[in-house]
């Protein structure tokens, strides 16, 4: 009886192919020209969208425009109001879509 319960050998697990590094999306890297209102904050020369958002966040943090209680809310100052469509505050997710409308 012990012979029947011989340990079954498992086949080694198939190896997964090495994970490829994600290539950056070309549309994010395309340089875009900011509108006049956005140029006051990020500069007037064409920049990729990723750089525009980085510079915008640097401006927000430098001027302490994040809401103290809810860090996802951005409070607009005089320079940001035209970019935010006249709104006093927006969420960080809403901000990216509003900024995309300011790029051409």
C-alpha atoms as a PDB file:
ATOM      1  CA  UNK A   1       0.000   0.000   0.000  1.00  0.00           C
ATOM      2  CA  UNK A   2       2.816   2.387   0.750  1.00  0.00           C
ATOM      3  CA  UNK A   3       4.049   1.850  -2.778  1.00  0.00           C
ATOM      4  CA  UNK A   4       0.803   3.271  -4.156  1.00  0.00           C
ATOM      5  CA  UNK A   5       1.277   6.509  -2.230  1.00  0.00           C
ATOM      6  CA  UNK A   6       4.572   7.327  -3.867  1.00  0.00           C
ATOM      7  CA  UNK A   7       5.176  11.043  -3.992  1.00  0.00           C
ATOM      8  CA  UNK A   8       4.110  12.475  -7.323  1.00  0.00           C
ATOM      9  CA  UNK A   9       6.723  14.644  -8.900  1.00  0.00           C
ATOM     10  CA  UNK A  10       5.524  18.065  -9.984  1.00  0.00           C
ATOM     11  CA  UNK A  11       6.766  19.551 -13.192  1.00  0.00           C
ATOM     12  CA  UNK A  12       8.691  22.776 -12.599  1.00  0.00           C
ATOM     13  CA  UNK A  13       6.559  25.871 -13.055  1.00  0.00           C
ATOM     14  CA  UNK A  14       6.819  27.397 -16.489  1.00  0.00           C
ATOM     15  CA  UNK A  15       9.013  30.472 -16.436  1.00  0.00           C
ATOM     16  CA  UNK A  16       7.349  33.756 -17.302  1.00  0.00           C
ATOM     17  CA  UNK A  17       9.105  35.894 -19.878  1.00  0.00           C
ATOM     18  CA  UNK A  18      11.031  38.775 -18.354  1.00  0.00           C
ATOM     19  CA  UNK A  19       8.813  41.808 -17.833  1.00  0.00           C
ATOM     20  CA  UNK A  20       9.452  44.498 -20.405  1.00  0.00           C
ATOM     21  CA  UNK A  21       9.965  48.067 -19.253  1.00  0.00           C
ATOM     22  CA  UNK A  22       7.040  50.310 -20.069  1.00  0.00           C
ATOM     23  CA  UNK A  23       7.834  52.631 -22.914  1.00  0.00           C
ATOM     24  CA  UNK A  24       6.668  56.226 -22.386  1.00  0.00           C
ATOM     25  CA  UNK A  25       3.556  57.148 -24.332  1.00  0.00           C
ATOM     26  CA  UNK A  26       4.539  59.376 -27.246  1.00  0.00           C
ATOM     27  CA  UNK A  27       1.502  61.638 -26.794  1.00  0.00           C
ATOM     28  CA  UNK A  28       2.707  62.572 -23.290  1.00  0.00           C
ATOM     29  CA  UNK A  29       6.147  63.436 -24.607  1.00  0.00           C
ATOM     30  CA  UNK A  30       4.889  65.619 -27.472  1.00  0.00           C
ATOM     31  CA  UNK A  31       5.722  69.259 -26.804  1.00  0.00           C
ATOM     32  CA  UNK A  32       2.666  71.485 -26.558  1.00  0.00           C
ATOM     33  CA  UNK A  33       2.325  75.253 -26.395  1.00  0.00           C
ATOM     34  CA  UNK A  34       0.637  76.609 -23.240  1.00  0.00           C
ATOM     35  CA  UNK A  35      -2.096  79.266 -23.418  1.00  0.00           C
ATOM     36  CA  UNK A  36      -1.297  82.808 -22.274  1.00  0.00           C
ATOM     37  CA  UNK A  37      -2.833  82.179 -18.833  1.00  0.00           C
ATOM     38  CA  UNK A  38      -0.875  78.948 -18.345  1.00  0.00           C
ATOM     39  CA  UNK A  39       2.322  80.521 -19.707  1.00  0.00           C
ATOM     40  CA  UNK A  40       2.359  82.913 -16.721  1.00  0.00           C
ATOM     41  CA  UNK A  41       3.048  79.904 -14.509  1.00  0.00           C
ATOM     42  CA  UNK A  42       4.992  77.397 -16.625  1.00  0.00           C
ATOM     43  CA  UNK A  43       6.638  79.652 -19.209  1.00  0.00           C
ATOM     44  CA  UNK A  44       5.777  80.273 -22.829  1.00  0.00           C
ATOM     45  CA  UNK A  45       8.025  77.756 -24.599  1.00  0.00           C
ATOM     46  CA  UNK A  46       6.523  74.419 -25.708  1.00  0.00           C
ATOM     47  CA  UNK A  47       6.764  71.643 -23.099  1.00  0.00           C
ATOM     48  CA  UNK A  48       5.572  68.034 -22.818  1.00  0.00           C
ATOM     49  CA  UNK A  49       2.397  67.580 -20.781  1.00  0.00           C
ATOM     50  CA  UNK A  50       4.334  65.834 -18.041  1.00  0.00           C
ATOM     51  CA  UNK A  51       6.604  68.860 -17.547  1.00  0.00           C
ATOM     52  CA  UNK A  52       3.633  71.258 -17.542  1.00  0.00           C
ATOM     53  CA  UNK A  53       2.015  69.289 -14.708  1.00  0.00           C
ATOM     54  CA  UNK A  54       5.318  69.133 -12.785  1.00  0.00           C
ATOM     55  CA  UNK A  55       5.768  72.899 -13.018  1.00  0.00           C
ATOM     56  CA  UNK A  56       2.156  73.491 -12.059  1.00  0.00           C
ATOM     57  CA  UNK A  57       2.536  71.311  -8.955  1.00  0.00           C
ATOM     58  CA  UNK A  58       5.748  73.135  -8.043  1.00  0.00           C
ATOM     59  CA  UNK A  59       3.820  76.433  -8.262  1.00  0.00           C
ATOM     60  CA  UNK A  60       0.952  75.036  -6.158  1.00  0.00           C
ATOM     61  CA  UNK A  61       3.290  73.775  -3.425  1.00  0.00           C
ATOM     62  CA  UNK A  62       5.460  76.926  -3.454  1.00  0.00           C
ATOM     63  CA  UNK A  63       2.385  79.129  -2.944  1.00  0.00           C
ATOM     64  CA  UNK A  64       0.738  76.726  -0.463  1.00  0.00           C
ATOM     65  CA  UNK A  65      -2.424  76.335  -2.570  1.00  0.00           C
ATOM     66  CA  UNK A  66      -3.334  72.800  -1.497  1.00  0.00           C
ATOM     67  CA  UNK A  67      -6.267  72.678   0.905  1.00  0.00           C
ATOM     68  CA  UNK A  68      -5.040  72.014   4.454  1.00  0.00           C
ATOM     69  CA  UNK A  69      -7.753  69.461   5.313  1.00  0.00           C
ATOM     70  CA  UNK A  70      -8.234  67.788   1.915  1.00  0.00           C
ATOM     71  CA  UNK A  71      -4.914  67.626   0.061  1.00  0.00           C
ATOM     72  CA  UNK A  72      -6.738  66.605  -3.135  1.00  0.00           C
ATOM     73  CA  UNK A  73      -8.324  70.066  -3.371  1.00  0.00           C
ATOM     74  CA  UNK A  74      -6.390  72.888  -5.037  1.00  0.00           C
ATOM     75  CA  UNK A  75      -7.333  76.454  -4.085  1.00  0.00           C
ATOM     76  CA  UNK A  76      -6.967  78.851  -7.007  1.00  0.00           C
ATOM     77  CA  UNK A  77      -5.134  82.147  -6.732  1.00  0.00           C
ATOM     78  CA  UNK A  78      -5.416  84.977  -9.281  1.00  0.00           C
ATOM     79  CA  UNK A  79      -3.100  83.214 -11.770  1.00  0.00           C
ATOM     80  CA  UNK A  80      -4.839  79.833 -11.513  1.00  0.00           C
ATOM     81  CA  UNK A  81      -8.466  81.023 -11.741  1.00  0.00           C
ATOM     82  CA  UNK A  82      -8.395  81.555 -15.539  1.00  0.00           C
ATOM     83  CA  UNK A  83      -6.862  78.094 -15.989  1.00  0.00           C
ATOM     84  CA  UNK A  84      -9.493  76.513 -13.722  1.00  0.00           C
ATOM     85  CA  UNK A  85     -12.337  78.154 -15.650  1.00  0.00           C
ATOM     86  CA  UNK A  86     -13.006  80.738 -12.926  1.00  0.00           C
ATOM     87  CA  UNK A  87     -13.498  78.133 -10.177  1.00  0.00           C
ATOM     88  CA  UNK A  88     -12.179  78.917  -6.675  1.00  0.00           C
ATOM     89  CA  UNK A  89     -11.041  75.331  -6.086  1.00  0.00           C
ATOM     90  CA  UNK A  90     -10.813  72.065  -8.014  1.00  0.00           C
ATOM     91  CA  UNK A  91      -9.705  68.512  -7.315  1.00  0.00           C
ATOM     92  CA  UNK A  92      -6.288  67.416  -8.515  1.00  0.00           C
ATOM     93  CA  UNK A  93      -7.978  65.069 -11.017  1.00  0.00           C
ATOM     94  CA  UNK A  94     -10.154  67.853 -12.395  1.00  0.00           C
ATOM     95  CA  UNK A  95      -7.057  70.057 -12.628  1.00  0.00           C
ATOM     96  CA  UNK A  96      -5.336  67.804 -15.183  1.00  0.00           C
ATOM     97  CA  UNK A  97      -8.301  67.893 -17.555  1.00  0.00           C
ATOM     98  CA  UNK A  98      -8.590  71.675 -17.197  1.00  0.00           C
ATOM     99  CA  UNK A  99      -4.858  72.089 -17.872  1.00  0.00           C
ATOM    100  CA  UNK A 100      -5.085  69.909 -21.008  1.00  0.00           C
ATOM    101  CA  UNK A 101      -7.618  72.368 -22.423  1.00  0.00           C
ATOM    102  CA  UNK A 102      -4.971  75.109 -22.017  1.00  0.00           C
ATOM    103  CA  UNK A 103      -2.447  73.284 -24.235  1.00  0.00           C
ATOM    104  CA  UNK A 104      -2.311  73.297 -28.017  1.00  0.00           C
END
